[in-house]
Amino acid sequence: MKRPYFIPFLCFVALSFSCKKLIEQQAEKKVMNIITNGYWYVAQYLQNDSNVTASFSGYLFKFDANGTVTGTKDTIARKGTWVPNVDARTINANFPSAPPPVSLLNGLWKIKDSGTDFVLATYTDTVLNTSNTLRLQK
């Protein structure tokens, strides 16, 4: 007699996980759309106690859904990759052949705050012993 109740319970559990996964996928899709739609610039970059924002003047960054990111200033383009983790609220950026200032964006950034037109993130470089704060703006 207990068996007939078991099948509806399994269906309920399966649907619950399915709905949760769908909601997560929609949230991730929305975040990806915000990131990949438009161009970003460095509104602020603090390295320890130094403000190095001016060194990013003129750069525009375009994040693509395929995991590439391009930083362009005048006619010079610096190619890199980015890997978002919506659940962990991180973005891992890597511009392997870019010189400073673009190379300062390399690392695993922890997103502290964000909106549809800005991202505030931090990164601690244990090799260089620097604490970095980045604000990207559309």
C-alpha atoms as a PDB file:
ATOM      1  CA  MET A   1       0.000   0.000   0.000  1.00  0.00           C
ATOM      2  CA  LYS A   2       2.809   2.413   0.622  1.00  0.00           C
ATOM      3  CA  ARG A   3       4.149   2.018  -2.910  1.00  0.00           C
ATOM      4  CA  PRO A   4       1.542   4.196  -4.683  1.00  0.00           C
ATOM      5  CA  TYR A   5       2.575   7.170  -2.536  1.00  0.00           C
ATOM      6  CA  PHE A   6       6.236   6.649  -3.306  1.00  0.00           C
ATOM      7  CA  ILE A   7       5.885   7.309  -7.053  1.00  0.00           C
ATOM      8  CA  PRO A   8       4.151  10.717  -6.666  1.00  0.00           C
ATOM      9  CA  PHE A   9       6.762  11.660  -4.058  1.00  0.00           C
ATOM     10  CA  LEU A  10       9.589  10.854  -6.485  1.00  0.00           C
ATOM     11  CA  CYS A  11       7.862  12.898  -9.195  1.00  0.00           C
ATOM     12  CA  PHE A  12       7.514  15.831  -6.795  1.00  0.00           C
ATOM     13  CA  VAL A  13      11.197  15.654  -5.830  1.00  0.00           C
ATOM     14  CA  ALA A  14      12.268  15.426  -9.491  1.00  0.00           C
ATOM     15  CA  LEU A  15      10.101  18.412 -10.432  1.00  0.00           C
ATOM     16  CA  SER A  16      11.439  20.418  -7.477  1.00  0.00           C
ATOM     17  CA  PHE A  17      15.034  19.899  -8.597  1.00  0.00           C
ATOM     18  CA  SER A  18      14.075  20.558 -12.213  1.00  0.00           C
ATOM     19  CA  CYS A  19      12.348  23.845 -11.336  1.00  0.00           C
ATOM     20  CA  LYS A  20      15.250  24.928  -9.139  1.00  0.00           C
ATOM     21  CA  LYS A  21      17.725  24.182 -11.945  1.00  0.00           C
ATOM     22  CA  LEU A  22      15.577  26.115 -14.436  1.00  0.00           C
ATOM     23  CA  ILE A  23      15.457  29.144 -12.127  1.00  0.00           C
ATOM     24  CA  GLU A  24      19.239  28.996 -11.660  1.00  0.00           C
ATOM     25  CA  GLN A  25      19.765  28.760 -15.416  1.00  0.00           C
ATOM     26  CA  GLN A  26      17.513  31.776 -16.037  1.00  0.00           C
ATOM     27  CA  ALA A  27      19.376  33.812 -13.389  1.00  0.00           C
ATOM     28  CA  GLU A  28      22.721  32.878 -14.925  1.00  0.00           C
ATOM     29  CA  LYS A  29      21.447  33.763 -18.409  1.00  0.00           C
ATOM     30  CA  LYS A  30      20.324  37.187 -17.148  1.00  0.00           C
ATOM     31  CA  VAL A  31      23.703  37.864 -15.532  1.00  0.00           C
ATOM     32  CA  MET A  32      25.562  36.780 -18.669  1.00  0.00           C
ATOM     33  CA  ASN A  33      23.395  39.082 -20.773  1.00  0.00           C
ATOM     34  CA  ILE A  34      24.235  42.044 -18.528  1.00  0.00           C
ATOM     35  CA  ILE A  35      27.967  41.289 -18.715  1.00  0.00           C
ATOM     36  CA  THR A  36      28.171  40.618 -22.447  1.00  0.00           C
ATOM     37  CA  ASN A  37      25.875  43.425 -23.615  1.00  0.00           C
ATOM     38  CA  GLY A  38      27.885  46.595 -24.153  1.00  0.00           C
ATOM     39  CA  TYR A  39      31.324  47.925 -23.263  1.00  0.00           C
ATOM     40  CA  TRP A  40      32.921  48.377 -19.862  1.00  0.00           C
ATOM     41  CA  TYR A  41      35.597  50.773 -18.633  1.00  0.00           C
ATOM     42  CA  VAL A  42      37.688  50.903 -15.474  1.00  0.00           C
ATOM     43  CA  ALA A  43      36.059  53.571 -13.320  1.00  0.00           C
ATOM     44  CA  GLN A  44      38.409  52.873 -10.410  1.00  0.00           C
ATOM     45  CA  TYR A  45      41.417  50.670  -9.746  1.00  0.00           C
ATOM     46  CA  LEU A  46      43.093  50.774  -6.348  1.00  0.00           C
ATOM     47  CA  GLN A  47      46.267  48.789  -5.677  1.00  0.00           C
ATOM     48  CA  ASN A  48      47.028  48.834  -1.962  1.00  0.00           C
ATOM     49  CA  ASP A  49      47.002  52.567  -1.198  1.00  0.00           C
ATOM     50  CA  SER A  50      47.675  53.682  -4.778  1.00  0.00           C
ATOM     51  CA  ASN A  51      45.021  54.831  -7.219  1.00  0.00           C
ATOM     52  CA  VAL A  52      46.090  53.595 -10.671  1.00  0.00           C
ATOM     53  CA  THR A  53      42.795  54.311 -12.425  1.00  0.00           C
ATOM     54  CA  ALA A  54      44.352  56.865 -14.795  1.00  0.00           C
ATOM     55  CA  SER A  55      46.539  54.187 -16.403  1.00  0.00           C
ATOM     56  CA  PHE A  56      43.330  52.580 -17.772  1.00  0.00           C
ATOM     57  CA  SER A  57      42.171  55.816 -19.396  1.00  0.00           C
ATOM     58  CA  GLY A  58      40.843  55.188 -22.906  1.00  0.00           C
ATOM     59  CA  TYR A  59      40.443  51.410 -22.531  1.00  0.00           C
ATOM     60  CA  LEU A  60      37.107  49.773 -23.329  1.00  0.00           C
ATOM     61  CA  PHE A  61      36.463  46.119 -22.503  1.00  0.00           C
ATOM     62  CA  LYS A  62      34.081  43.794 -24.312  1.00  0.00           C
ATOM     63  CA  PHE A  63      33.131  40.495 -22.676  1.00  0.00           C
ATOM     64  CA  ASP A  64      31.814  37.822 -25.029  1.00  0.00           C
ATOM     65  CA  ALA A  65      29.658  34.830 -24.105  1.00  0.00           C
ATOM     66  CA  ASN A  66      32.274  32.452 -25.533  1.00  0.00           C
ATOM     67  CA  GLY A  67      34.694  33.374 -22.716  1.00  0.00           C
ATOM     68  CA  THR A  68      36.830  35.904 -24.552  1.00  0.00           C
ATOM     69  CA  VAL A  69      37.385  39.481 -23.456  1.00  0.00           C
ATOM     70  CA  THR A  70      39.036  42.238 -25.447  1.00  0.00           C
ATOM     71  CA  GLY A  71      40.494  45.424 -24.036  1.00  0.00           C
ATOM     72  CA  THR A  72      40.870  48.102 -26.698  1.00  0.00           C
ATOM     73  CA  LYS A  73      42.577  51.459 -26.562  1.00  0.00           C
ATOM     74  CA  ASP A  74      42.793  53.443 -29.780  1.00  0.00           C
ATOM     75  CA  THR A  75      43.645  50.743 -32.343  1.00  0.00           C
ATOM     76  CA  ILE A  76      45.443  48.343 -29.979  1.00  0.00           C
ATOM     77  CA  ALA A  77      43.426  45.330 -28.817  1.00  0.00           C
ATOM     78  CA  ARG A  78      44.484  43.110 -25.902  1.00  0.00           C
ATOM     79  CA  LYS A  79      42.839  39.672 -25.987  1.00  0.00           C
ATOM     80  CA  GLY A  80      42.103  37.585 -22.933  1.00  0.00           C
ATOM     81  CA  THR A  81      39.723  35.130 -21.367  1.00  0.00           C
ATOM     82  CA  TRP A  82      37.211  35.330 -18.573  1.00  0.00           C
ATOM     83  CA  VAL A  83      35.387  32.660 -16.613  1.00  0.00           C
ATOM     84  CA  PRO A  84      32.398  33.686 -14.515  1.00  0.00           C
ATOM     85  CA  ASN A  85      31.095  31.714 -11.548  1.00  0.00           C
ATOM     86  CA  VAL A  86      27.645  33.054 -10.701  1.00  0.00           C
ATOM     87  CA  ASP A  87      27.262  30.900  -7.583  1.00  0.00           C
ATOM     88  CA  ALA A  88      30.646  31.896  -6.125  1.00  0.00           C
ATOM     89  CA  ARG A  89      30.262  35.491  -7.374  1.00  0.00           C
ATOM     90  CA  THR A  90      33.690  35.471  -9.020  1.00  0.00           C
ATOM     91  CA  ILE A  91      35.246  36.240 -12.378  1.00  0.00           C
ATOM     92  CA  ASN A  92      38.606  34.800 -13.357  1.00  0.00           C
ATOM     93  CA  ALA A  93      40.326  37.026 -15.926  1.00  0.00           C
ATOM     94  CA  ASN A  94      43.499  36.306 -17.860  1.00  0.00           C
ATOM     95  CA  PHE A  95      45.247  38.472 -20.452  1.00  0.00           C
ATOM     96  CA  PRO A  96      48.292  36.239 -21.059  1.00  0.00           C
ATOM     97  CA  SER A  97      50.356  38.537 -23.290  1.00  0.00           C
ATOM     98  CA  ALA A  98      49.092  41.947 -22.200  1.00  0.00           C
ATOM     99  CA  PRO A  99      51.436  44.449 -20.546  1.00  0.00           C
ATOM    100  CA  PRO A 100      50.344  46.711 -17.688  1.00  0.00           C
ATOM    101  CA  PRO A 101      47.855  48.125 -17.065  1.00  0.00           C
ATOM    102  CA  VAL A 102      45.727  45.397 -18.676  1.00  0.00           C
ATOM    103  CA  SER A 103      47.761  42.631 -17.012  1.00  0.00           C
ATOM    104  CA  LEU A 104      46.649  44.072 -13.652  1.00  0.00           C
ATOM    105  CA  LEU A 105      43.227  42.579 -14.408  1.00  0.00           C
ATOM    106  CA  ASN A 106      44.604  39.010 -14.319  1.00  0.00           C
ATOM    107  CA  GLY A 107      43.319  36.984 -11.392  1.00  0.00           C
ATOM    108  CA  LEU A 108      40.298  35.618  -9.597  1.00  0.00           C
ATOM    109  CA  TRP A 109      38.113  38.593  -8.708  1.00  0.00           C
ATOM    110  CA  LYS A 110      35.513  38.342  -5.948  1.00  0.00           C
ATOM    111  CA  ILE A 111      32.422  40.410  -6.748  1.00  0.00           C
ATOM    112  CA  LYS A 112      31.453  42.539  -3.758  1.00  0.00           C
ATOM    113  CA  ASP A 113      28.640  44.515  -5.381  1.00  0.00           C
ATOM    114  CA  SER A 114      27.085  44.796  -8.825  1.00  0.00           C
ATOM    115  CA  GLY A 115      24.212  46.201 -10.825  1.00  0.00           C
ATOM    116  CA  THR A 116      23.170  46.399 -14.441  1.00  0.00           C
ATOM    117  CA  ASP A 117      25.884  48.980 -15.187  1.00  0.00           C
ATOM    118  CA  PHE A 118      28.678  48.384 -12.651  1.00  0.00           C
ATOM    119  CA  VAL A 119      30.745  45.712 -10.913  1.00  0.00           C
ATOM    120  CA  LEU A 120      32.817  46.206  -7.763  1.00  0.00           C
ATOM    121  CA  ALA A 121      35.348  43.439  -7.169  1.00  0.00           C
ATOM    122  CA  THR A 122      38.448  42.667  -5.121  1.00  0.00           C
ATOM    123  CA  TYR A 123      41.501  40.514  -5.694  1.00  0.00           C
ATOM    124  CA  THR A 124      44.432  39.745  -3.408  1.00  0.00           C
ATOM    125  CA  ASP A 125      47.642  38.900  -5.208  1.00  0.00           C
ATOM    126  CA  THR A 126      49.623  36.779  -2.759  1.00  0.00           C
ATOM    127  CA  VAL A 127      52.731  36.744  -5.017  1.00  0.00           C
ATOM    128  CA  LEU A 128      52.980  40.542  -5.281  1.00  0.00           C
ATOM    129  CA  ASN A 129      51.365  41.057  -1.864  1.00  0.00           C
ATOM    130  CA  THR A 130      48.822  43.529  -3.209  1.00  0.00           C
ATOM    131  CA  SER A 131      45.203  44.142  -2.374  1.00  0.00           C
ATOM    132  CA  ASN A 132      43.296  45.296  -5.463  1.00  0.00           C
ATOM    133  CA  THR A 133      39.884  46.890  -5.817  1.00  0.00           C
ATOM    134  CA  LEU A 134      38.277  47.284  -9.224  1.00  0.00           C
ATOM    135  CA  ARG A 135      35.146  49.085 -10.301  1.00  0.00           C
ATOM    136  CA  LEU A 136      33.990  48.444 -13.858  1.00  0.00           C
ATOM    137  CA  GLN A 137      31.301  50.679 -15.303  1.00  0.00           C
ATOM    138  CA  LYS A 138      29.238  50.649 -18.491  1.00  0.00           C
END
